[in-house]
Amino acid sequence: MNEVVLDASAILALIQHERGAERLTVEVLKDAVVSTVNLAEVQSKLVKNGYDSEEAWGDALSLVTAAEPYTREQAKIAGDLITRREKYGLSLGDRSCLALAISLKAPVYTTEQAWRNLKVGVPIHVIR
């Protein structure tokens, strides 16, 4: 598979033109997917910050090729990742993103500095 997984923070960096967004090139984005959990996180943050709901939804979806439903397998993986929560500060959204990447055996892109040394069996690219 050529897919890459985007964390909510990476999508927000793109939408808001934040530092590091330039690392998410057209080549990276052509096979980008997001967990529906992270898609909800993006939507929530944008709407909370004053974005129109439909505009926020459209902007988030325009950056990925697919929004992957949260599966039982991913829920179990995310639950198992709780053991790393204290050291890496992983929220449920973070663990859901990582669970999708693990289940797809795909690299993940994030802005989360704490993930830099996280070892979960897939490449993690911190964009800033």
N, C-alpha and C. Protein backbone atom coordinates (compact mmCIF):
# COMPACT_ATOMS: atom_id res chain seq x y z
N MET A 1 0.83 -1.19 0.00
CA MET A 1 0.00 0.00 0.00
C MET A 1 0.87 1.25 0.00
N ASN A 2 0.43 2.26 -0.70
CA ASN A 2 1.16 3.51 -0.76
C ASN A 2 0.54 4.59 0.12
N GLU A 3 -0.46 4.24 0.89
CA GLU A 3 -1.16 5.22 1.70
C GLU A 3 -0.25 5.82 2.76
N VAL A 4 -0.57 7.05 3.14
CA VAL A 4 0.02 7.70 4.30
C VAL A 4 -1.14 8.19 5.15
N VAL A 5 -0.92 8.22 6.44
CA VAL A 5 -1.96 8.64 7.37
C VAL A 5 -1.62 10.03 7.89
N LEU A 6 -2.61 10.91 7.89
CA LEU A 6 -2.43 12.25 8.43
C LEU A 6 -3.09 12.35 9.79
N ASP A 7 -2.35 12.85 10.74
CA ASP A 7 -2.89 13.18 12.06
C ASP A 7 -3.70 14.47 11.92
N ALA A 8 -4.63 14.70 12.82
CA ALA A 8 -5.41 15.94 12.81
C ALA A 8 -4.51 17.16 12.80
N SER A 9 -3.42 17.10 13.53
CA SER A 9 -2.51 18.26 13.61
C SER A 9 -1.89 18.58 12.26
N ALA A 10 -1.61 17.56 11.45
CA ALA A 10 -1.05 17.79 10.12
C ALA A 10 -2.08 18.43 9.20
N ILE A 11 -3.31 17.96 9.27
CA ILE A 11 -4.37 18.55 8.45
C ILE A 11 -4.60 20.00 8.85
N LEU A 12 -4.63 20.26 10.15
CA LEU A 12 -4.81 21.63 10.63
C LEU A 12 -3.66 22.53 10.18
N ALA A 13 -2.44 22.00 10.19
CA ALA A 13 -1.29 22.78 9.74
C ALA A 13 -1.46 23.18 8.28
N LEU A 14 -1.96 22.26 7.47
CA LEU A 14 -2.20 22.58 6.06
C LEU A 14 -3.28 23.64 5.89
N ILE A 15 -4.39 23.44 6.53
CA ILE A 15 -5.52 24.36 6.39
C ILE A 15 -5.16 25.76 6.87
N GLN A 16 -4.41 25.82 7.96
CA GLN A 16 -4.09 27.10 8.59
C GLN A 16 -2.74 27.67 8.15
N HIS A 17 -2.13 27.02 7.15
CA HIS A 17 -0.85 27.48 6.58
C HIS A 17 0.21 27.66 7.66
N GLU A 18 0.34 26.67 8.51
CA GLU A 18 1.30 26.73 9.61
C GLU A 18 2.66 26.22 9.16
N ARG A 19 3.65 26.56 9.93
CA ARG A 19 5.01 26.08 9.69
C ARG A 19 5.01 24.55 9.64
N GLY A 20 5.73 24.00 8.70
CA GLY A 20 5.82 22.56 8.51
C GLY A 20 4.87 22.03 7.45
N ALA A 21 3.82 22.78 7.15
CA ALA A 21 2.84 22.33 6.17
C ALA A 21 3.47 22.09 4.80
N GLU A 22 4.52 22.82 4.50
CA GLU A 22 5.18 22.65 3.20
C GLU A 22 5.79 21.26 3.03
N ARG A 23 5.98 20.54 4.11
CA ARG A 23 6.52 19.17 4.03
C ARG A 23 5.48 18.17 3.55
N LEU A 24 4.23 18.60 3.56
CA LEU A 24 3.15 17.74 3.06
C LEU A 24 2.92 18.08 1.59
N THR A 25 3.77 17.55 0.78
CA THR A 25 3.80 17.85 -0.65
C THR A 25 2.64 17.16 -1.38
N VAL A 26 2.47 17.53 -2.63
CA VAL A 26 1.46 16.89 -3.47
C VAL A 26 1.70 15.39 -3.52
N GLU A 27 2.95 14.99 -3.59
CA GLU A 27 3.31 13.58 -3.63
C GLU A 27 2.84 12.85 -2.37
N VAL A 28 3.03 13.46 -1.22
CA VAL A 28 2.58 12.87 0.05
C VAL A 28 1.06 12.82 0.09
N LEU A 29 0.42 13.91 -0.30
CA LEU A 29 -1.03 14.03 -0.16
C LEU A 29 -1.82 13.18 -1.14
N LYS A 30 -1.19 12.73 -2.22
CA LYS A 30 -1.95 11.99 -3.25
C LYS A 30 -2.51 10.68 -2.72
N ASP A 31 -1.94 10.13 -1.68
CA ASP A 31 -2.43 8.88 -1.08
C ASP A 31 -2.73 9.04 0.40
N ALA A 32 -3.08 10.25 0.81
CA ALA A 32 -3.29 10.52 2.23
C ALA A 32 -4.69 10.09 2.68
N VAL A 33 -4.72 9.45 3.85
CA VAL A 33 -5.98 9.06 4.47
C VAL A 33 -6.01 9.58 5.90
N VAL A 34 -7.20 9.64 6.45
CA VAL A 34 -7.38 10.11 7.83
C VAL A 34 -8.41 9.21 8.50
N SER A 35 -8.24 9.01 9.78
CA SER A 35 -9.24 8.30 10.57
C SER A 35 -10.44 9.21 10.76
N THR A 36 -11.63 8.63 10.77
CA THR A 36 -12.82 9.45 11.01
C THR A 36 -12.77 10.10 12.39
N VAL A 37 -12.07 9.49 13.33
CA VAL A 37 -11.89 10.11 14.65
C VAL A 37 -11.12 11.41 14.49
N ASN A 38 -10.05 11.40 13.72
CA ASN A 38 -9.24 12.60 13.52
C ASN A 38 -9.96 13.62 12.65
N LEU A 39 -10.78 13.15 11.74
CA LEU A 39 -11.57 14.06 10.93
C LEU A 39 -12.54 14.84 11.82
N ALA A 40 -13.14 14.16 12.79
CA ALA A 40 -14.02 14.84 13.75
C ALA A 40 -13.24 15.86 14.57
N GLU A 41 -12.01 15.50 14.92
CA GLU A 41 -11.15 16.41 15.68
C GLU A 41 -10.84 17.68 14.89
N VAL A 42 -10.52 17.53 13.61
CA VAL A 42 -10.26 18.68 12.74
C VAL A 42 -11.50 19.55 12.64
N GLN A 43 -12.63 18.92 12.35
CA GLN A 43 -13.89 19.65 12.24
C GLN A 43 -14.18 20.44 13.52
N SER A 44 -14.03 19.79 14.65
CA SER A 44 -14.31 20.43 15.95
C SER A 44 -13.43 21.65 16.18
N LYS A 45 -12.14 21.50 15.92
CA LYS A 45 -11.22 22.61 16.16
C LYS A 45 -11.47 23.78 15.23
N LEU A 46 -11.76 23.48 13.97
CA LEU A 46 -12.01 24.57 13.02
C LEU A 46 -13.31 25.30 13.36
N VAL A 47 -14.36 24.57 13.64
CA VAL A 47 -15.64 25.21 13.98
C VAL A 47 -15.50 26.01 15.27
N LYS A 48 -14.80 25.45 16.24
CA LYS A 48 -14.57 26.16 17.50
C LYS A 48 -13.82 27.48 17.26
N ASN A 49 -12.96 27.50 16.25
CA ASN A 49 -12.19 28.70 15.93
C ASN A 49 -12.90 29.62 14.94
N GLY A 50 -14.19 29.38 14.69
CA GLY A 50 -14.97 30.31 13.90
C GLY A 50 -15.21 29.95 12.45
N TYR A 51 -14.70 28.81 12.00
CA TYR A 51 -14.95 28.39 10.62
C TYR A 51 -16.41 28.01 10.45
N ASP A 52 -16.94 28.27 9.28
CA ASP A 52 -18.24 27.77 8.90
C ASP A 52 -18.15 26.24 8.86
N SER A 53 -19.15 25.56 9.35
CA SER A 53 -19.13 24.10 9.45
C SER A 53 -18.90 23.43 8.10
N GLU A 54 -19.63 23.84 7.09
CA GLU A 54 -19.50 23.21 5.77
C GLU A 54 -18.14 23.50 5.14
N GLU A 55 -17.66 24.72 5.32
CA GLU A 55 -16.34 25.08 4.79
C GLU A 55 -15.24 24.26 5.47
N ALA A 56 -15.35 24.13 6.78
CA ALA A 56 -14.36 23.34 7.53
C ALA A 56 -14.37 21.89 7.06
N TRP A 57 -15.55 21.33 6.90
CA TRP A 57 -15.69 19.95 6.45
C TRP A 57 -15.09 19.76 5.06
N GLY A 58 -15.42 20.66 4.18
CA GLY A 58 -14.91 20.59 2.81
C GLY A 58 -13.40 20.75 2.76
N ASP A 59 -12.87 21.69 3.53
CA ASP A 59 -11.42 21.90 3.56
C ASP A 59 -10.70 20.66 4.05
N ALA A 60 -11.20 20.06 5.11
CA ALA A 60 -10.55 18.87 5.68
C ALA A 60 -10.60 17.71 4.70
N LEU A 61 -11.75 17.46 4.10
CA LEU A 61 -11.87 16.34 3.17
C LEU A 61 -11.09 16.54 1.88
N SER A 62 -10.88 17.79 1.49
CA SER A 62 -10.18 18.05 0.23
C SER A 62 -8.70 17.66 0.30
N LEU A 63 -8.19 17.46 1.49
CA LEU A 63 -6.76 17.17 1.66
C LEU A 63 -6.43 15.69 1.69
N VAL A 64 -7.45 14.84 1.72
CA VAL A 64 -7.22 13.40 1.82
C VAL A 64 -7.97 12.67 0.72
N THR A 65 -7.50 11.47 0.41
CA THR A 65 -8.19 10.66 -0.58
C THR A 65 -9.30 9.83 0.05
N ALA A 66 -9.20 9.60 1.37
CA ALA A 66 -10.23 8.81 2.05
C ALA A 66 -10.26 9.13 3.54
N ALA A 67 -11.46 9.06 4.09
CA ALA A 67 -11.67 9.12 5.54
C ALA A 67 -12.04 7.70 5.94
N GLU A 68 -11.15 7.06 6.68
CA GLU A 68 -11.32 5.65 7.01
C GLU A 68 -12.15 5.48 8.28
N PRO A 69 -13.21 4.67 8.22
CA PRO A 69 -14.02 4.42 9.41
C PRO A 69 -13.20 3.78 10.52
N TYR A 70 -13.53 4.12 11.74
CA TYR A 70 -12.85 3.57 12.91
C TYR A 70 -13.36 2.15 13.14
N THR A 71 -12.45 1.19 13.08
CA THR A 71 -12.83 -0.22 13.14
C THR A 71 -12.58 -0.82 14.52
N ARG A 72 -13.11 -2.02 14.72
CA ARG A 72 -12.86 -2.76 15.97
C ARG A 72 -11.37 -3.00 16.16
N GLU A 73 -10.69 -3.37 15.07
CA GLU A 73 -9.25 -3.63 15.14
C GLU A 73 -8.50 -2.37 15.59
N GLN A 74 -8.86 -1.23 15.02
CA GLN A 74 -8.22 0.02 15.40
C GLN A 74 -8.53 0.40 16.85
N ALA A 75 -9.75 0.13 17.28
CA ALA A 75 -10.13 0.41 18.66
C ALA A 75 -9.26 -0.40 19.63
N LYS A 76 -9.01 -1.66 19.30
CA LYS A 76 -8.15 -2.49 20.16
C LYS A 76 -6.72 -1.97 20.17
N ILE A 77 -6.20 -1.64 18.99
CA ILE A 77 -4.83 -1.11 18.91
C ILE A 77 -4.73 0.19 19.72
N ALA A 78 -5.70 1.08 19.55
CA ALA A 78 -5.69 2.34 20.29
C ALA A 78 -5.76 2.09 21.79
N GLY A 79 -6.57 1.12 22.19
CA GLY A 79 -6.65 0.78 23.61
C GLY A 79 -5.32 0.26 24.14
N ASP A 80 -4.65 -0.56 23.36
CA ASP A 80 -3.35 -1.10 23.77
C ASP A 80 -2.29 -0.01 23.86
N LEU A 81 -2.42 1.03 23.06
CA LEU A 81 -1.44 2.12 23.08
C LEU A 81 -1.54 3.00 24.34
N ILE A 82 -2.53 2.75 25.19
CA ILE A 82 -2.69 3.54 26.41
C ILE A 82 -1.44 3.43 27.29
N THR A 83 -0.73 2.33 27.18
CA THR A 83 0.47 2.16 28.00
C THR A 83 1.54 3.20 27.67
N ARG A 84 1.41 3.84 26.53
CA ARG A 84 2.39 4.87 26.13
C ARG A 84 1.86 6.27 26.37
N ARG A 85 0.68 6.36 26.93
CA ARG A 85 0.03 7.66 27.12
C ARG A 85 0.84 8.58 28.03
N GLU A 86 1.29 8.06 29.15
CA GLU A 86 2.00 8.92 30.10
C GLU A 86 3.31 9.44 29.54
N LYS A 87 4.08 8.58 28.91
CA LYS A 87 5.38 9.00 28.40
C LYS A 87 5.25 9.95 27.20
N TYR A 88 4.27 9.67 26.33
CA TYR A 88 4.15 10.45 25.09
C TYR A 88 2.93 11.37 25.06
N GLY A 89 2.09 11.35 26.08
CA GLY A 89 0.92 12.22 26.14
C GLY A 89 -0.11 11.94 25.06
N LEU A 90 -0.30 10.68 24.72
CA LEU A 90 -1.19 10.32 23.61
C LEU A 90 -2.66 10.40 24.01
N SER A 91 -3.40 11.26 23.31
CA SER A 91 -4.85 11.36 23.51
C SER A 91 -5.53 10.22 22.75
N LEU A 92 -6.82 10.10 22.90
CA LEU A 92 -7.56 9.10 22.13
C LEU A 92 -7.44 9.39 20.64
N GLY A 93 -7.49 10.66 20.25
CA GLY A 93 -7.31 11.02 18.84
C GLY A 93 -5.95 10.59 18.32
N ASP A 94 -4.90 10.84 19.12
CA ASP A 94 -3.55 10.43 18.74
C ASP A 94 -3.47 8.92 18.56
N ARG A 95 -4.01 8.19 19.52
CA ARG A 95 -3.95 6.73 19.47
C ARG A 95 -4.78 6.19 18.31
N SER A 96 -5.87 6.87 17.98
CA SER A 96 -6.70 6.45 16.84
C SER A 96 -5.96 6.65 15.53
N CYS A 97 -5.24 7.75 15.41
CA CYS A 97 -4.42 8.01 14.22
C CYS A 97 -3.34 6.93 14.08
N LEU A 98 -2.65 6.68 15.17
CA LEU A 98 -1.60 5.67 15.14
C LEU A 98 -2.17 4.28 14.85
N ALA A 99 -3.35 3.99 15.38
CA ALA A 99 -3.97 2.69 15.14
C ALA A 99 -4.28 2.49 13.66
N LEU A 100 -4.76 3.54 13.00
CA LEU A 100 -5.00 3.45 11.56
C LEU A 100 -3.70 3.19 10.82
N ALA A 101 -2.67 3.93 11.16
CA ALA A 101 -1.37 3.75 10.50
C ALA A 101 -0.84 2.33 10.71
N ILE A 102 -0.96 1.84 11.94
CA ILE A 102 -0.49 0.49 12.24
C ILE A 102 -1.29 -0.54 11.45
N SER A 103 -2.61 -0.38 11.41
CA SER A 103 -3.45 -1.36 10.71
C SER A 103 -3.20 -1.35 9.20
N LEU A 104 -2.86 -0.18 8.65
CA LEU A 104 -2.56 -0.08 7.22
C LEU A 104 -1.08 -0.33 6.91
N LYS A 105 -0.25 -0.39 7.97
CA LYS A 105 1.20 -0.48 7.80
C LYS A 105 1.71 0.70 6.96
N ALA A 106 1.22 1.88 7.33
CA ALA A 106 1.49 3.09 6.56
C ALA A 106 2.19 4.12 7.44
N PRO A 107 3.03 4.96 6.83
CA PRO A 107 3.65 6.04 7.59
C PRO A 107 2.60 7.07 8.02
N VAL A 108 2.92 7.76 9.09
CA VAL A 108 2.01 8.78 9.61
C VAL A 108 2.73 10.12 9.67
N TYR A 109 1.98 11.19 9.39
CA TYR A 109 2.50 12.56 9.44
C TYR A 109 1.77 13.33 10.53
N THR A 110 2.53 14.05 11.35
CA THR A 110 1.99 14.77 12.48
C THR A 110 2.84 16.01 12.78
N THR A 111 2.33 16.88 13.63
CA THR A 111 3.15 17.98 14.16
C THR A 111 3.55 17.69 15.60
N GLU A 112 3.12 16.58 16.14
CA GLU A 112 3.34 16.25 17.55
C GLU A 112 4.80 15.88 17.82
N GLN A 113 5.52 16.78 18.44
CA GLN A 113 6.94 16.58 18.74
C GLN A 113 7.17 15.34 19.61
N ALA A 114 6.25 15.06 20.51
CA ALA A 114 6.40 13.93 21.43
C ALA A 114 6.46 12.59 20.69
N TRP A 115 5.95 12.55 19.47
CA TRP A 115 5.94 11.30 18.71
C TRP A 115 7.30 10.99 18.09
N ARG A 116 8.22 11.92 18.14
CA ARG A 116 9.52 11.77 17.47
C ARG A 116 10.23 10.47 17.85
N ASN A 117 10.15 10.07 19.10
CA ASN A 117 10.85 8.87 19.56
C ASN A 117 9.91 7.69 19.80
N LEU A 118 8.67 7.83 19.40
CA LEU A 118 7.68 6.78 19.58
C LEU A 118 7.95 5.66 18.58
N LYS A 119 7.98 4.45 19.07
CA LYS A 119 8.21 3.27 18.21
C LYS A 119 6.95 2.41 18.22
N VAL A 120 6.25 2.40 17.08
CA VAL A 120 5.01 1.61 16.98
C VAL A 120 4.99 0.72 15.73
N GLY A 121 6.11 0.60 15.07
CA GLY A 121 6.20 -0.29 13.92
C GLY A 121 5.90 0.35 12.57
N VAL A 122 5.65 1.65 12.55
CA VAL A 122 5.45 2.38 11.29
C VAL A 122 6.26 3.68 11.37
N PRO A 123 6.70 4.17 10.21
CA PRO A 123 7.45 5.44 10.22
C PRO A 123 6.56 6.60 10.67
N ILE A 124 7.13 7.45 11.51
CA ILE A 124 6.44 8.66 11.98
C ILE A 124 7.24 9.85 11.49
N HIS A 125 6.57 10.73 10.75
CA HIS A 125 7.20 11.93 10.23
C HIS A 125 6.63 13.15 10.97
N VAL A 126 7.48 13.79 11.75
CA VAL A 126 7.08 15.02 12.45
C VAL A 126 7.45 16.17 11.53
N ILE A 127 6.44 16.95 11.13
CA ILE A 127 6.67 17.95 10.08
C ILE A 127 7.23 19.28 10.56
N ARG A 128 7.35 19.44 11.86
CA ARG A 128 8.00 20.66 12.37
C ARG A 128 8.63 20.41 13.73
